[in-house]
Amino acid sequence: MDEAMIYRKRRGRGRNQAGFYHFQGSDKRTLDGYGDADFVRMRDERGNEWQGTSEVMGDGTVRYRFRDSDGNVISGIADGLGILLRDYSGNTWRGYVY
């Protein structure tokens, strides 16, 4: 049977990938760490450990949620232009994954 099949080209790396995470807050604080696909672990400059997840949404954006041992939360989204997070105090954090 000679039916024509259409193949879709797959991307080599998805948007929810493993890599090194770096964020800098509006008050010059930093978060650095490593993430493996959906689980991310980072440390800030004070030594606090932040753990969280990243999940790809239906429209291609990635949603990030991080929490430290004191219950503080940082969350936000990433689109094609970068990652933008907001913390429990309303401060913004910008960052990237490489």
C-alpha atoms as a PDB file:
ATOM      1  CA  MET A   1       0.000   0.000   0.000  1.00  0.00           C
ATOM      2  CA  ASP A   2       1.533   3.305  -1.061  1.00  0.00           C
ATOM      3  CA  GLU A   3      -0.050   5.875   1.189  1.00  0.00           C
ATOM      4  CA  ALA A   4       1.651   9.226   1.454  1.00  0.00           C
ATOM      5  CA  MET A   5       2.803   9.993   4.979  1.00  0.00           C
ATOM      6  CA  ILE A   6       3.719  13.396   6.283  1.00  0.00           C
ATOM      7  CA  TYR A   7       6.465  13.512   8.869  1.00  0.00           C
ATOM      8  CA  ARG A   8       6.929  16.348  11.284  1.00  0.00           C
ATOM      9  CA  LYS A   9      10.442  17.445  12.105  1.00  0.00           C
ATOM     10  CA  ARG A  10      11.202  17.120  15.823  1.00  0.00           C
ATOM     11  CA  ARG A  11      13.272  19.612  17.729  1.00  0.00           C
ATOM     12  CA  GLY A  12      16.476  18.330  19.222  1.00  0.00           C
ATOM     13  CA  ARG A  13      15.933  19.940  22.614  1.00  0.00           C
ATOM     14  CA  GLY A  14      12.673  20.836  24.267  1.00  0.00           C
ATOM     15  CA  ARG A  15      11.953  24.014  26.157  1.00  0.00           C
ATOM     16  CA  ASN A  16      11.921  22.167  29.479  1.00  0.00           C
ATOM     17  CA  GLN A  17      15.530  21.073  29.500  1.00  0.00           C
ATOM     18  CA  ALA A  18      18.262  20.340  31.994  1.00  0.00           C
ATOM     19  CA  GLY A  19      20.829  23.027  32.560  1.00  0.00           C
ATOM     20  CA  PHE A  20      22.331  25.655  34.803  1.00  0.00           C
ATOM     21  CA  TYR A  21      19.908  28.304  36.096  1.00  0.00           C
ATOM     22  CA  HIS A  22      20.894  31.880  36.959  1.00  0.00           C
ATOM     23  CA  PHE A  23      18.510  34.576  38.249  1.00  0.00           C
ATOM     24  CA  GLN A  24      19.170  38.089  39.485  1.00  0.00           C
ATOM     25  CA  GLY A  25      16.670  40.076  41.519  1.00  0.00           C
ATOM     26  CA  SER A  26      15.895  43.763  41.291  1.00  0.00           C
ATOM     27  CA  ASP A  27      17.847  44.220  44.536  1.00  0.00           C
ATOM     28  CA  LYS A  28      20.929  42.478  42.995  1.00  0.00           C
ATOM     29  CA  ARG A  29      20.377  39.212  44.890  1.00  0.00           C
ATOM     30  CA  THR A  30      21.170  36.072  42.914  1.00  0.00           C
ATOM     31  CA  LEU A  31      19.932  32.492  42.635  1.00  0.00           C
ATOM     32  CA  ASP A  32      22.125  29.861  40.964  1.00  0.00           C
ATOM     33  CA  GLY A  33      21.631  26.160  40.533  1.00  0.00           C
ATOM     34  CA  TYR A  34      20.986  23.165  38.365  1.00  0.00           C
ATOM     35  CA  GLY A  35      17.784  21.678  37.022  1.00  0.00           C
ATOM     36  CA  ASP A  36      17.066  18.325  35.433  1.00  0.00           C
ATOM     37  CA  ALA A  37      14.043  18.780  33.159  1.00  0.00           C
ATOM     38  CA  ASP A  38      11.219  19.434  35.633  1.00  0.00           C
ATOM     39  CA  PHE A  39      13.039  19.548  39.036  1.00  0.00           C
ATOM     40  CA  VAL A  40      15.267  22.522  39.880  1.00  0.00           C
ATOM     41  CA  ARG A  41      17.486  23.093  42.937  1.00  0.00           C
ATOM     42  CA  MET A  42      19.200  26.448  43.534  1.00  0.00           C
ATOM     43  CA  ARG A  43      20.997  28.429  46.259  1.00  0.00           C
ATOM     44  CA  ASP A  44      20.927  32.151  46.906  1.00  0.00           C
ATOM     45  CA  GLU A  45      23.850  34.287  48.101  1.00  0.00           C
ATOM     46  CA  ARG A  46      22.837  33.704  51.728  1.00  0.00           C
ATOM     47  CA  GLY A  47      23.053  29.929  51.372  1.00  0.00           C
ATOM     48  CA  ASN A  48      19.299  29.258  51.396  1.00  0.00           C
ATOM     49  CA  GLU A  49      18.270  26.335  49.242  1.00  0.00           C
ATOM     50  CA  TRP A  50      15.373  26.778  46.823  1.00  0.00           C
ATOM     51  CA  GLN A  51      13.634  23.783  45.237  1.00  0.00           C
ATOM     52  CA  GLY A  52      11.031  23.867  42.552  1.00  0.00           C
ATOM     53  CA  THR A  53       9.596  22.688  39.307  1.00  0.00           C
ATOM     54  CA  SER A  54       9.269  23.832  35.738  1.00  0.00           C
ATOM     55  CA  GLU A  55       6.435  22.727  33.513  1.00  0.00           C
ATOM     56  CA  VAL A  56       5.697  23.413  29.867  1.00  0.00           C
ATOM     57  CA  MET A  57       2.255  24.913  29.323  1.00  0.00           C
ATOM     58  CA  GLY A  58       0.070  24.332  26.274  1.00  0.00           C
ATOM     59  CA  ASP A  59       0.980  27.601  24.564  1.00  0.00           C
ATOM     60  CA  GLY A  60       4.742  26.945  24.683  1.00  0.00           C
ATOM     61  CA  THR A  61       5.526  28.983  27.784  1.00  0.00           C
ATOM     62  CA  VAL A  62       7.236  27.422  30.796  1.00  0.00           C
ATOM     63  CA  ARG A  63       5.911  27.980  34.328  1.00  0.00           C
ATOM     64  CA  TYR A  64       8.404  28.018  37.227  1.00  0.00           C
ATOM     65  CA  ARG A  65       7.650  27.619  40.947  1.00  0.00           C
ATOM     66  CA  PHE A  66      10.322  27.661  43.659  1.00  0.00           C
ATOM     67  CA  ARG A  67      10.077  27.390  47.455  1.00  0.00           C
ATOM     68  CA  ASP A  68      12.684  27.668  50.212  1.00  0.00           C
ATOM     69  CA  SER A  69      12.761  25.974  53.638  1.00  0.00           C
ATOM     70  CA  ASP A  70      11.079  29.018  55.263  1.00  0.00           C
ATOM     71  CA  GLY A  71       8.064  28.732  52.950  1.00  0.00           C
ATOM     72  CA  ASN A  72       8.939  31.733  50.757  1.00  0.00           C
ATOM     73  CA  VAL A  73       7.805  31.407  47.150  1.00  0.00           C
ATOM     74  CA  ILE A  74       9.143  32.675  43.822  1.00  0.00           C
ATOM     75  CA  SER A  75       7.146  31.929  40.678  1.00  0.00           C
ATOM     76  CA  GLY A  76       6.871  33.102  37.105  1.00  0.00           C
ATOM     77  CA  ILE A  77       6.946  32.254  33.428  1.00  0.00           C
ATOM     78  CA  ALA A  78       9.360  32.013  30.525  1.00  0.00           C
ATOM     79  CA  ASP A  79       8.632  32.756  26.912  1.00  0.00           C
ATOM     80  CA  GLY A  80      10.938  33.087  23.945  1.00  0.00           C
ATOM     81  CA  LEU A  81      12.444  36.303  25.338  1.00  0.00           C
ATOM     82  CA  GLY A  82      13.562  35.151  28.799  1.00  0.00           C
ATOM     83  CA  ILE A  83      12.439  34.160  32.278  1.00  0.00           C
ATOM     84  CA  LEU A  84      10.606  36.580  34.566  1.00  0.00           C
ATOM     85  CA  LEU A  85       9.833  35.655  38.188  1.00  0.00           C
ATOM     86  CA  ARG A  86       8.181  37.498  41.078  1.00  0.00           C
ATOM     87  CA  ASP A  87       8.911  36.698  44.724  1.00  0.00           C
ATOM     88  CA  TYR A  88       6.828  36.829  47.912  1.00  0.00           C
ATOM     89  CA  SER A  89       7.666  40.539  48.406  1.00  0.00           C
ATOM     90  CA  GLY A  90       6.758  41.589  44.877  1.00  0.00           C
ATOM     91  CA  ASN A  91      10.359  41.918  43.667  1.00  0.00           C
ATOM     92  CA  THR A  92      11.101  40.845  40.102  1.00  0.00           C
ATOM     93  CA  TRP A  93      13.800  38.373  39.121  1.00  0.00           C
ATOM     94  CA  ARG A  94      15.158  37.929  35.606  1.00  0.00           C
ATOM     95  CA  GLY A  95      17.213  34.995  34.467  1.00  0.00           C
ATOM     96  CA  TYR A  96      18.135  32.357  31.969  1.00  0.00           C
ATOM     97  CA  VAL A  97      18.987  28.682  31.561  1.00  0.00           C
ATOM     98  CA  TYR A  98      22.153  27.544  29.816  1.00  0.00           C
END
